Structures are given as structure tokens and as C-alpha cells.
Amino acid sequence: MFGLRSVGRDGVSSGIFLIGFGLLYLTGWWWPGLLILLGVTGIVDMVMSANWKGAAKTAAVFMITAIVLWGLVGIGIMWNVLIPGLLILVGIFWVYRGLK
């Protein structure tokens, strides 16, 4: 199952994304649900391509991000500052990972 060709991986990742997006739509839990969905989709794609090291790094980044978010909200940082900042950081991470 692991090390699937690109077409199979893309289909599974896209299917997981659509299922997750549908669940987000039903529950209305857009934030941070969308961030979690993107992370899970990326991790599944890496695991299916047998890229265990990349999957572990991505999972660690998303877990650390969640912990930092809880901490920042706990000390009173507002969501209108966190959301744009987090989106920018995730975008930088994806660009960095894509350039490797």
C-alpha cells in the first residue's frame, strides 16, 4: 500500500480532503479545523508515498503550532492577530518544503 504511484496518492489525499471539508461544513468548525484538515491531508500523502521523515516533520510542525496557539490564546492574544500570522507561517513552511 505504501509507495503508491502519484495518481493513487492524489486520489486518496483528495478524497480525504473532500470528506474532511464536508465534515467541516456540517459542523461549522472552520477554524482551526481547516488547518488540521490540511495537515492531515499532507501527512497522509507523505505516508502513502513512503516519505516517513517528511510526514514526521509535518506532524511535528502542526502539533507545535497547536500548542503555541493554545498558549497564545491563554495569555490573551486575539484571534484577529493569530489567524493571519498563522496562515503566513504555514505558507512559508509549505514554500520552504516545496523548494527542497
PDB file of N, CA and C in Angstrom:
ATOM      1  N   MET A   1       0.808  -1.189   0.000  1.00  0.00           N
ATOM      2  CA  MET A   1       0.000   0.000   0.000  1.00  0.00           C
ATOM      3  C   MET A   1       0.853   1.255   0.000  1.00  0.00           C
ATOM      4  N   PHE A   2       1.951   1.222   0.716  1.00  0.00           N
ATOM      5  CA  PHE A   2       2.785   2.415   0.785  1.00  0.00           C
ATOM      6  C   PHE A   2       3.676   2.475  -0.442  1.00  0.00           C
ATOM      7  N   GLY A   3       4.004   3.677  -0.857  1.00  0.00           N
ATOM      8  CA  GLY A   3       4.787   3.874  -2.060  1.00  0.00           C
ATOM      9  C   GLY A   3       3.915   3.821  -3.308  1.00  0.00           C
ATOM     10  N   LEU A   4       2.641   4.197  -3.171  1.00  0.00           N
ATOM     11  CA  LEU A   4       1.736   4.182  -4.317  1.00  0.00           C
ATOM     12  C   LEU A   4       2.181   5.163  -5.383  1.00  0.00           C
ATOM     13  N   ARG A   5       1.768   4.897  -6.604  1.00  0.00           N
ATOM     14  CA  ARG A   5       2.058   5.836  -7.684  1.00  0.00           C
ATOM     15  C   ARG A   5       1.319   7.135  -7.413  1.00  0.00           C
ATOM     16  N   SER A   6       1.731   8.184  -8.060  1.00  0.00           N
ATOM     17  CA  SER A   6       1.224   9.526  -7.783  1.00  0.00           C
ATOM     18  C   SER A   6      -0.291   9.642  -7.969  1.00  0.00           C
ATOM     19  N   VAL A   7      -0.837   8.992  -9.003  1.00  0.00           N
ATOM     20  CA  VAL A   7      -2.276   9.117  -9.265  1.00  0.00           C
ATOM     21  C   VAL A   7      -3.073   8.536  -8.105  1.00  0.00           C
ATOM     22  N   GLY A   8      -2.662   7.394  -7.571  1.00  0.00           N
ATOM     23  CA  GLY A   8      -3.356   6.782  -6.441  1.00  0.00           C
ATOM     24  C   GLY A   8      -3.263   7.631  -5.187  1.00  0.00           C
ATOM     25  N   ARG A   9      -2.087   8.170  -4.930  1.00  0.00           N
ATOM     26  CA  ARG A   9      -1.891   9.045  -3.754  1.00  0.00           C
ATOM     27  C   ARG A   9      -2.749  10.279  -3.865  1.00  0.00           C
ATOM     28  N   ASP A  10      -2.761  10.889  -5.046  1.00  0.00           N
ATOM     29  CA  ASP A  10      -3.547  12.112  -5.232  1.00  0.00           C
ATOM     30  C   ASP A  10      -5.031  11.844  -5.014  1.00  0.00           C
ATOM     31  N   GLY A  11      -5.502  10.703  -5.474  1.00  0.00           N
ATOM     32  CA  GLY A  11      -6.911  10.370  -5.299  1.00  0.00           C
ATOM     33  C   GLY A  11      -7.269  10.187  -3.833  1.00  0.00           C
ATOM     34  N   VAL A  12      -6.410   9.489  -3.092  1.00  0.00           N
ATOM     35  CA  VAL A  12      -6.670   9.273  -1.671  1.00  0.00           C
ATOM     36  C   VAL A  12      -6.599  10.594  -0.920  1.00  0.00           C
ATOM     37  N   SER A  13      -5.577  11.399  -1.180  1.00  0.00           N
ATOM     38  CA  SER A  13      -5.445  12.691  -0.499  1.00  0.00           C
ATOM     39  C   SER A  13      -6.619  13.610  -0.814  1.00  0.00           C
ATOM     40  N   SER A  14      -7.015  13.640  -2.071  1.00  0.00           N
ATOM     41  CA  SER A  14      -8.153  14.478  -2.457  1.00  0.00           C
ATOM     42  C   SER A  14      -9.440  13.988  -1.809  1.00  0.00           C
ATOM     43  N   GLY A  15      -9.612  12.690  -1.749  1.00  0.00           N
ATOM     44  CA  GLY A  15     -10.800  12.123  -1.109  1.00  0.00           C
ATOM     45  C   GLY A  15     -10.855  12.447   0.371  1.00  0.00           C
ATOM     46  N   ILE A  16      -9.719  12.335   1.053  1.00  0.00           N
ATOM     47  CA  ILE A  16      -9.672  12.681   2.470  1.00  0.00           C
ATOM     48  C   ILE A  16      -9.967  14.154   2.667  1.00  0.00           C
ATOM     49  N   PHE A  17      -9.421  14.994   1.793  1.00  0.00           N
ATOM     50  CA  PHE A  17      -9.690  16.424   1.902  1.00  0.00           C
ATOM     51  C   PHE A  17     -11.175  16.719   1.731  1.00  0.00           C
ATOM     52  N   LEU A  18     -11.811  16.110   0.730  1.00  0.00           N
ATOM     53  CA  LEU A  18     -13.234  16.364   0.493  1.00  0.00           C
ATOM     54  C   LEU A  18     -14.105  15.858   1.644  1.00  0.00           C
ATOM     55  N   ILE A  19     -13.771  14.693   2.186  1.00  0.00           N
ATOM     56  CA  ILE A  19     -14.506  14.174   3.343  1.00  0.00           C
ATOM     57  C   ILE A  19     -14.366  15.133   4.523  1.00  0.00           C
ATOM     58  N   GLY A  20     -13.131  15.558   4.782  1.00  0.00           N
ATOM     59  CA  GLY A  20     -12.895  16.487   5.883  1.00  0.00           C
ATOM     60  C   GLY A  20     -13.585  17.821   5.667  1.00  0.00           C
ATOM     61  N   PHE A  21     -13.553  18.318   4.436  1.00  0.00           N
ATOM     62  CA  PHE A  21     -14.202  19.598   4.130  1.00  0.00           C
ATOM     63  C   PHE A  21     -15.710  19.481   4.330  1.00  0.00           C
ATOM     64  N   GLY A  22     -16.271  18.346   3.937  1.00  0.00           N
ATOM     65  CA  GLY A  22     -17.703  18.117   4.164  1.00  0.00           C
ATOM     66  C   GLY A  22     -18.036  18.089   5.652  1.00  0.00           C
ATOM     67  N   LEU A  23     -17.175  17.457   6.447  1.00  0.00           N
ATOM     68  CA  LEU A  23     -17.391  17.433   7.899  1.00  0.00           C
ATOM     69  C   LEU A  23     -17.278  18.833   8.495  1.00  0.00           C
ATOM     70  N   LEU A  24     -16.333  19.614   8.008  1.00  0.00           N
ATOM     71  CA  LEU A  24     -16.210  20.994   8.486  1.00  0.00           C
ATOM     72  C   LEU A  24     -17.452  21.799   8.143  1.00  0.00           C
ATOM     73  N   TYR A  25     -17.988  21.584   6.956  1.00  0.00           N
ATOM     74  CA  TYR A  25     -19.193  22.290   6.532  1.00  0.00           C
ATOM     75  C   TYR A  25     -20.384  21.915   7.419  1.00  0.00           C
ATOM     76  N   LEU A  26     -20.499  20.618   7.725  1.00  0.00           N
ATOM     77  CA  LEU A  26     -21.607  20.165   8.573  1.00  0.00           C
ATOM     78  C   LEU A  26     -21.507  20.695   9.996  1.00  0.00           C
ATOM     79  N   THR A  27     -20.294  20.724  10.535  1.00  0.00           N
ATOM     80  CA  THR A  27     -20.118  21.124  11.932  1.00  0.00           C
ATOM     81  C   THR A  27     -19.932  22.618  12.105  1.00  0.00           C
ATOM     82  N   GLY A  28     -19.503  23.315  11.046  1.00  0.00           N
ATOM     83  CA  GLY A  28     -19.234  24.749  11.151  1.00  0.00           C
ATOM     84  C   GLY A  28     -17.957  25.058  11.905  1.00  0.00           C
ATOM     85  N   TRP A  29     -17.108  24.077  12.077  1.00  0.00           N
ATOM     86  CA  TRP A  29     -15.872  24.237  12.846  1.00  0.00           C
ATOM     87  C   TRP A  29     -14.729  24.592  11.889  1.00  0.00           C
ATOM     88  N   TRP A  30     -14.812  25.774  11.282  1.00  0.00           N
ATOM     89  CA  TRP A  30     -13.875  26.161  10.237  1.00  0.00           C
ATOM     90  C   TRP A  30     -12.485  26.417  10.763  1.00  0.00           C
ATOM     91  N   TRP A  31     -12.385  27.035  11.920  1.00  0.00           N
ATOM     92  CA  TRP A  31     -11.063  27.340  12.459  1.00  0.00           C
ATOM     93  C   TRP A  31     -10.931  26.734  13.808  1.00  0.00           C
ATOM     94  N   PRO A  32      -9.937  25.966  14.104  1.00  0.00           N
ATOM     95  CA  PRO A  32      -8.757  25.586  13.323  1.00  0.00           C
ATOM     96  C   PRO A  32      -8.945  24.313  12.513  1.00  0.00           C
ATOM     97  N   GLY A  33     -10.210  23.913  12.285  1.00  0.00           N
ATOM     98  CA  GLY A  33     -10.468  22.681  11.554  1.00  0.00           C
ATOM     99  C   GLY A  33      -9.840  22.633  10.178  1.00  0.00           C
ATOM    100  N   LEU A  34      -9.850  23.765   9.462  1.00  0.00           N
ATOM    101  CA  LEU A  34      -9.243  23.794   8.133  1.00  0.00           C
ATOM    102  C   LEU A  34      -7.740  23.568   8.203  1.00  0.00           C
ATOM    103  N   LEU A  35      -7.100  24.149   9.198  1.00  0.00           N
ATOM    104  CA  LEU A  35      -5.660  23.943   9.381  1.00  0.00           C
ATOM    105  C   LEU A  35      -5.361  22.475   9.679  1.00  0.00           C
ATOM    106  N   ILE A  36      -6.160  21.878  10.534  1.00  0.00           N
ATOM    107  CA  ILE A  36      -5.964  20.464  10.878  1.00  0.00           C
ATOM    108  C   ILE A  36      -6.197  19.597   9.644  1.00  0.00           C
ATOM    109  N   LEU A  37      -7.227  19.904   8.873  1.00  0.00           N
ATOM    110  CA  LEU A  37      -7.517  19.139   7.665  1.00  0.00           C
ATOM    111  C   LEU A  37      -6.364  19.193   6.667  1.00  0.00           C
ATOM    112  N   LEU A  38      -5.803  20.371   6.465  1.00  0.00           N
ATOM    113  CA  LEU A  38      -4.660  20.498   5.551  1.00  0.00           C
ATOM    114  C   LEU A  38      -3.457  19.701   6.055  1.00  0.00           C
ATOM    115  N   GLY A  39      -3.222  19.742   7.347  1.00  0.00           N
ATOM    116  CA  GLY A  39      -2.114  18.981   7.919  1.00  0.00           C
ATOM    117  C   GLY A  39      -2.308  17.483   7.764  1.00  0.00           C
ATOM    118  N   VAL A  40      -3.502  17.004   8.074  1.00  0.00           N
ATOM    119  CA  VAL A  40      -3.785  15.568   7.961  1.00  0.00           C
ATOM    120  C   VAL A  40      -3.669  15.116   6.509  1.00  0.00           C
ATOM    121  N   THR A  41      -4.193  15.897   5.584  1.00  0.00           N
ATOM    122  CA  THR A  41      -4.104  15.545   4.167  1.00  0.00           C
ATOM    123  C   THR A  41      -2.656  15.462   3.703  1.00  0.00           C
ATOM    124  N   GLY A  42      -1.837  16.425   4.116  1.00  0.00           N
ATOM    125  CA  GLY A  42      -0.419  16.402   3.752  1.00  0.00           C
ATOM    126  C   GLY A  42       0.320  15.216   4.358  1.00  0.00           C
ATOM    127  N   ILE A  43       0.016  14.901   5.606  1.00  0.00           N
ATOM    128  CA  ILE A  43       0.673  13.777   6.270  1.00  0.00           C
ATOM    129  C   ILE A  43       0.287  12.460   5.604  1.00  0.00           C
ATOM    130  N   VAL A  44      -1.000  12.294   5.274  1.00  0.00           N
ATOM    131  CA  VAL A  44      -1.445  11.067   4.606  1.00  0.00           C
ATOM    132  C   VAL A  44      -0.739  10.911   3.263  1.00  0.00           C
ATOM    133  N   ASP A  45      -0.624  11.989   2.507  1.00  0.00           N
ATOM    134  CA  ASP A  45       0.055  11.923   1.211  1.00  0.00           C
ATOM    135  C   ASP A  45       1.517  11.513   1.384  1.00  0.00           C
ATOM    136  N   MET A  46       2.183  12.059   2.386  1.00  0.00           N
ATOM    137  CA  MET A  46       3.592  11.702   2.603  1.00  0.00           C
ATOM    138  C   MET A  46       3.751  10.265   3.057  1.00  0.00           C
ATOM    139  N   VAL A  47       2.874   9.809   3.932  1.00  0.00           N
ATOM    140  CA  VAL A  47       2.955   8.425   4.400  1.00  0.00           C
ATOM    141  C   VAL A  47       2.709   7.469   3.242  1.00  0.00           C
ATOM    142  N   MET A  48       1.730   7.773   2.391  1.00  0.00           N
ATOM    143  CA  MET A  48       1.434   6.890   1.271  1.00  0.00           C
ATOM    144  C   MET A  48       2.548   6.866   0.233  1.00  0.00           C
ATOM    145  N   SER A  49       3.367   7.903   0.197  1.00  0.00           N
ATOM    146  CA  SER A  49       4.497   7.902  -0.731  1.00  0.00           C
ATOM    147  C   SER A  49       5.760   7.390  -0.049  1.00  0.00           C
ATOM    148  N   ALA A  50       5.599   6.832   1.140  1.00  0.00           N
ATOM    149  CA  ALA A  50       6.699   6.256   1.934  1.00  0.00           C
ATOM    150  C   ALA A  50       7.715   7.312   2.356  1.00  0.00           C
ATOM    151  N   ASN A  51       7.276   8.545   2.513  1.00  0.00           N
ATOM    152  CA  ASN A  51       8.137   9.623   2.990  1.00  0.00           C
ATOM    153  C   ASN A  51       7.891   9.806   4.491  1.00  0.00           C
ATOM    154  N   TRP A  52       8.377   8.862   5.282  1.00  0.00           N
ATOM    155  CA  TRP A  52       8.125   8.854   6.724  1.00  0.00           C
ATOM    156  C   TRP A  52       8.774  10.041   7.416  1.00  0.00           C
ATOM    157  N   LYS A  53       9.960  10.414   6.971  1.00  0.00           N
ATOM    158  CA  LYS A  53      10.663  11.537   7.596  1.00  0.00           C
ATOM    159  C   LYS A  53       9.895  12.842   7.378  1.00  0.00           C
ATOM    160  N   GLY A  54       9.433  13.083   6.163  1.00  0.00           N
ATOM    161  CA  GLY A  54       8.656  14.277   5.873  1.00  0.00           C
ATOM    162  C   GLY A  54       7.339  14.292   6.626  1.00  0.00           C
ATOM    163  N   ALA A  55       6.684  13.126   6.734  1.00  0.00           N
ATOM    164  CA  ALA A  55       5.422  13.036   7.467  1.00  0.00           C
ATOM    165  C   ALA A  55       5.633  13.352   8.943  1.00  0.00           C
ATOM    166  N   ALA A  56       6.718  12.847   9.514  1.00  0.00           N
ATOM    167  CA  ALA A  56       7.005  13.112  10.930  1.00  0.00           C
ATOM    168  C   ALA A  56       7.291  14.596  11.166  1.00  0.00           C
ATOM    169  N   LYS A  57       8.036  15.211  10.247  1.00  0.00           N
ATOM    170  CA  LYS A  57       8.324  16.648  10.382  1.00  0.00           C
ATOM    171  C   LYS A  57       7.049  17.480  10.283  1.00  0.00           C
ATOM    172  N   THR A  58       6.209  17.152   9.320  1.00  0.00           N
ATOM    173  CA  THR A  58       4.961  17.891   9.153  1.00  0.00           C
ATOM    174  C   THR A  58       4.054  17.721  10.362  1.00  0.00           C
ATOM    175  N   ALA A  59       3.946  16.507  10.864  1.00  0.00           N
ATOM    176  CA  ALA A  59       3.132  16.265  12.057  1.00  0.00           C
ATOM    177  C   ALA A  59       3.677  17.049  13.248  1.00  0.00           C
ATOM    178  N   ALA A  60       4.989  17.097  13.389  1.00  0.00           N
ATOM    179  CA  ALA A  60       5.591  17.847  14.497  1.00  0.00           C
ATOM    180  C   ALA A  60       5.305  19.335  14.376  1.00  0.00           C
ATOM    181  N   VAL A  61       5.399  19.872  13.175  1.00  0.00           N
ATOM    182  CA  VAL A  61       5.121  21.299  12.969  1.00  0.00           C
ATOM    183  C   VAL A  61       3.672  21.614  13.324  1.00  0.00           C
ATOM    184  N   PHE A  62       2.737  20.775  12.894  1.00  0.00           N
ATOM    185  CA  PHE A  62       1.334  21.035  13.197  1.00  0.00           C
ATOM    186  C   PHE A  62       1.027  20.871  14.684  1.00  0.00           C
ATOM    187  N   MET A  63       1.649  19.914  15.351  1.00  0.00           N
ATOM    188  CA  MET A  63       1.438  19.749  16.794  1.00  0.00           C
ATOM    189  C   MET A  63       2.009  20.932  17.566  1.00  0.00           C
ATOM    190  N   ILE A  64       3.192  21.358  17.204  1.00  0.00           N
ATOM    191  CA  ILE A  64       3.808  22.514  17.870  1.00  0.00           C
ATOM    192  C   ILE A  64       2.966  23.762  17.635  1.00  0.00           C
ATOM    193  N   THR A  65       2.448  23.916  16.423  1.00  0.00           N
ATOM    194  CA  THR A  65       1.589  25.060  16.117  1.00  0.00           C
ATOM    195  C   THR A  65       0.347  25.058  16.989  1.00  0.00           C
ATOM    196  N   ALA A  66      -0.280  23.901  17.165  1.00  0.00           N
ATOM    197  CA  ALA A  66      -1.478  23.812  18.010  1.00  0.00           C
ATOM    198  C   ALA A  66      -1.152  24.177  19.455  1.00  0.00           C
ATOM    199  N   ILE A  67      -0.034  23.703  19.968  1.00  0.00           N
ATOM    200  CA  ILE A  67       0.369  24.007  21.347  1.00  0.00           C
ATOM    201  C   ILE A  67       0.640  25.498  21.510  1.00  0.00           C
ATOM    202  N   VAL A  68       1.328  26.081  20.551  1.00  0.00           N
ATOM    203  CA  VAL A  68       1.627  27.522  20.612  1.00  0.00           C
ATOM    204  C   VAL A  68       0.331  28.328  20.541  1.00  0.00           C
ATOM    205  N   LEU A  69      -0.611  27.920  19.688  1.00  0.00           N
ATOM    206  CA  LEU A  69      -1.891  28.622  19.591  1.00  0.00           C
ATOM    207  C   LEU A  69      -2.633  28.607  20.924  1.00  0.00           C
ATOM    208  N   TRP A  70      -2.719  27.447  21.549  1.00  0.00           N
ATOM    209  CA  TRP A  70      -3.402  27.370  22.840  1.00  0.00           C
ATOM    210  C   TRP A  70      -2.720  28.272  23.861  1.00  0.00           C
ATOM    211  N   GLY A  71      -1.403  28.290  23.847  1.00  0.00           N
ATOM    212  CA  GLY A  71      -0.680  29.147  24.774  1.00  0.00           C
ATOM    213  C   GLY A  71      -0.921  30.622  24.521  1.00  0.00           C
ATOM    214  N   LEU A  72      -0.903  31.037  23.265  1.00  0.00           N
ATOM    215  CA  LEU A  72      -1.113  32.444  22.927  1.00  0.00           C
ATOM    216  C   LEU A  72      -2.530  32.904  23.255  1.00  0.00           C
ATOM    217  N   VAL A  73      -3.506  32.062  22.979  1.00  0.00           N
ATOM    218  CA  VAL A  73      -4.881  32.414  23.319  1.00  0.00           C
ATOM    219  C   VAL A  73      -5.030  32.492  24.839  1.00  0.00           C
ATOM    220  N   GLY A  74      -4.333  31.613  25.547  1.00  0.00           N
ATOM    221  CA  GLY A  74      -4.379  31.618  27.006  1.00  0.00           C
ATOM    222  C   GLY A  74      -3.828  32.895  27.623  1.00  0.00           C
ATOM    223  N   ILE A  75      -2.854  33.532  26.965  1.00  0.00           N
ATOM    224  CA  ILE A  75      -2.296  34.771  27.527  1.00  0.00           C
ATOM    225  C   ILE A  75      -2.976  36.014  26.968  1.00  0.00           C
ATOM    226  N   GLY A  76      -3.977  35.833  26.116  1.00  0.00           N
ATOM    227  CA  GLY A  76      -4.782  36.967  25.684  1.00  0.00           C
ATOM    228  C   GLY A  76      -4.516  37.512  24.295  1.00  0.00           C
ATOM    229  N   ILE A  77      -3.724  36.835  23.465  1.00  0.00           N
ATOM    230  CA  ILE A  77      -3.517  37.281  22.088  1.00  0.00           C
ATOM    231  C   ILE A  77      -4.822  37.036  21.312  1.00  0.00           C
ATOM    232  N   MET A  78      -5.256  37.990  20.561  1.00  0.00           N
ATOM    233  CA  MET A  78      -6.544  37.914  19.876  1.00  0.00           C
ATOM    234  C   MET A  78      -6.451  37.084  18.584  1.00  0.00           C
ATOM    235  N   TRP A  79      -7.581  36.469  18.217  1.00  0.00           N
ATOM    236  CA  TRP A  79      -7.642  35.656  17.015  1.00  0.00           C
ATOM    237  C   TRP A  79      -7.381  36.471  15.757  1.00  0.00           C
ATOM    238  N   ASN A  80      -7.742  37.761  15.753  1.00  0.00           N
ATOM    239  CA  ASN A  80      -7.533  38.558  14.546  1.00  0.00           C
ATOM    240  C   ASN A  80      -6.053  38.815  14.287  1.00  0.00           C
ATOM    241  N   VAL A  81      -5.196  38.532  15.253  1.00  0.00           N
ATOM    242  CA  VAL A  81      -3.748  38.602  15.063  1.00  0.00           C
ATOM    243  C   VAL A  81      -3.202  37.212  14.735  1.00  0.00           C
ATOM    244  N   LEU A  82      -3.751  36.198  15.401  1.00  0.00           N
ATOM    245  CA  LEU A  82      -3.242  34.833  15.228  1.00  0.00           C
ATOM    246  C   LEU A  82      -3.539  34.244  13.855  1.00  0.00           C
ATOM    247  N   ILE A  83      -4.743  34.425  13.377  1.00  0.00           N
ATOM    248  CA  ILE A  83      -5.127  33.775  12.121  1.00  0.00           C
ATOM    249  C   ILE A  83      -4.261  34.231  10.950  1.00  0.00           C
ATOM    250  N   PRO A  84      -4.108  35.543  10.707  1.00  0.00           N
ATOM    251  CA  PRO A  84      -3.237  35.929   9.587  1.00  0.00           C
ATOM    252  C   PRO A  84      -1.788  35.511   9.800  1.00  0.00           C
ATOM    253  N   GLY A  85      -1.301  35.648  11.016  1.00  0.00           N
ATOM    254  CA  GLY A  85       0.082  35.257  11.299  1.00  0.00           C
ATOM    255  C   GLY A  85       0.311  33.778  11.080  1.00  0.00           C
ATOM    256  N   LEU A  86      -0.642  32.969  11.522  1.00  0.00           N
ATOM    257  CA  LEU A  86      -0.515  31.527  11.350  1.00  0.00           C
ATOM    258  C   LEU A  86      -0.577  31.137   9.882  1.00  0.00           C
ATOM    259  N   LEU A  87      -1.478  31.746   9.142  1.00  0.00           N
ATOM    260  CA  LEU A  87      -1.570  31.441   7.708  1.00  0.00           C
ATOM    261  C   LEU A  87      -0.275  31.801   6.984  1.00  0.00           C
ATOM    262  N   ILE A  88       0.321  32.913   7.360  1.00  0.00           N
ATOM    263  CA  ILE A  88       1.593  33.314   6.749  1.00  0.00           C
ATOM    264  C   ILE A  88       2.685  32.317   7.092  1.00  0.00           C
ATOM    265  N   LEU A  89       2.754  31.891   8.366  1.00  0.00           N
ATOM    266  CA  LEU A  89       3.777  30.922   8.766  1.00  0.00           C
ATOM    267  C   LEU A  89       3.603  29.578   8.066  1.00  0.00           C
ATOM    268  N   VAL A  90       2.385  29.108   7.959  1.00  0.00           N
ATOM    269  CA  VAL A  90       2.138  27.836   7.266  1.00  0.00           C
ATOM    270  C   VAL A  90       2.508  27.964   5.790  1.00  0.00           C
ATOM    271  N   GLY A  91       2.173  29.100   5.181  1.00  0.00           N
ATOM    272  CA  GLY A  91       2.546  29.328   3.784  1.00  0.00           C
ATOM    273  C   GLY A  91       4.054  29.319   3.590  1.00  0.00           C
ATOM    274  N   ILE A  92       4.780  29.959   4.493  1.00  0.00           N
ATOM    275  CA  ILE A  92       6.254  29.960   4.423  1.00  0.00           C
ATOM    276  C   ILE A  92       6.783  28.542   4.559  1.00  0.00           C
ATOM    277  N   PHE A  93       6.208  27.758   5.481  1.00  0.00           N
ATOM    278  CA  PHE A  93       6.636  26.369   5.672  1.00  0.00           C
ATOM    279  C   PHE A  93       6.423  25.565   4.400  1.00  0.00           C
ATOM    280  N   TRP A  94       5.259  25.723   3.759  1.00  0.00           N
ATOM    281  CA  TRP A  94       4.979  24.964   2.535  1.00  0.00           C
ATOM    282  C   TRP A  94       5.885  25.379   1.391  1.00  0.00           C
ATOM    283  N   VAL A  95       6.171  26.660   1.277  1.00  0.00           N
ATOM    284  CA  VAL A  95       7.095  27.128   0.232  1.00  0.00           C
ATOM    285  C   VAL A  95       8.486  26.541   0.477  1.00  0.00           C
ATOM    286  N   TYR A  96       8.933  26.604   1.723  1.00  0.00           N
ATOM    287  CA  TYR A  96      10.249  26.052   2.087  1.00  0.00           C
ATOM    288  C   TYR A  96      10.308  24.564   1.753  1.00  0.00           C
ATOM    289  N   ARG A  97       9.251  23.821   2.134  1.00  0.00           N
ATOM    290  CA  ARG A  97       9.230  22.390   1.879  1.00  0.00           C
ATOM    291  C   ARG A  97       9.168  22.097   0.383  1.00  0.00           C
ATOM    292  N   GLY A  98       8.471  22.945  -0.369  1.00  0.00           N
ATOM    293  CA  GLY A  98       8.362  22.730  -1.808  1.00  0.00           C
ATOM    294  C   GLY A  98       9.653  23.013  -2.560  1.00  0.00           C
ATOM    295  N   LEU A  99      10.501  23.873  -2.002  1.00  0.00           N
ATOM    296  CA  LEU A  99      11.759  24.226  -2.667  1.00  0.00           C
ATOM    297  C   LEU A  99      12.872  23.220  -2.402  1.00  0.00           C
ATOM    298  N   LYS A 100      12.652  22.310  -1.484  1.00  0.00           N
ATOM    299  CA  LYS A 100      13.697  21.316  -1.185  1.00  0.00           C
ATOM    300  C   LYS A 100      13.840  20.323  -2.292  1.00  0.00           C
TER     301      LYS A 100
END
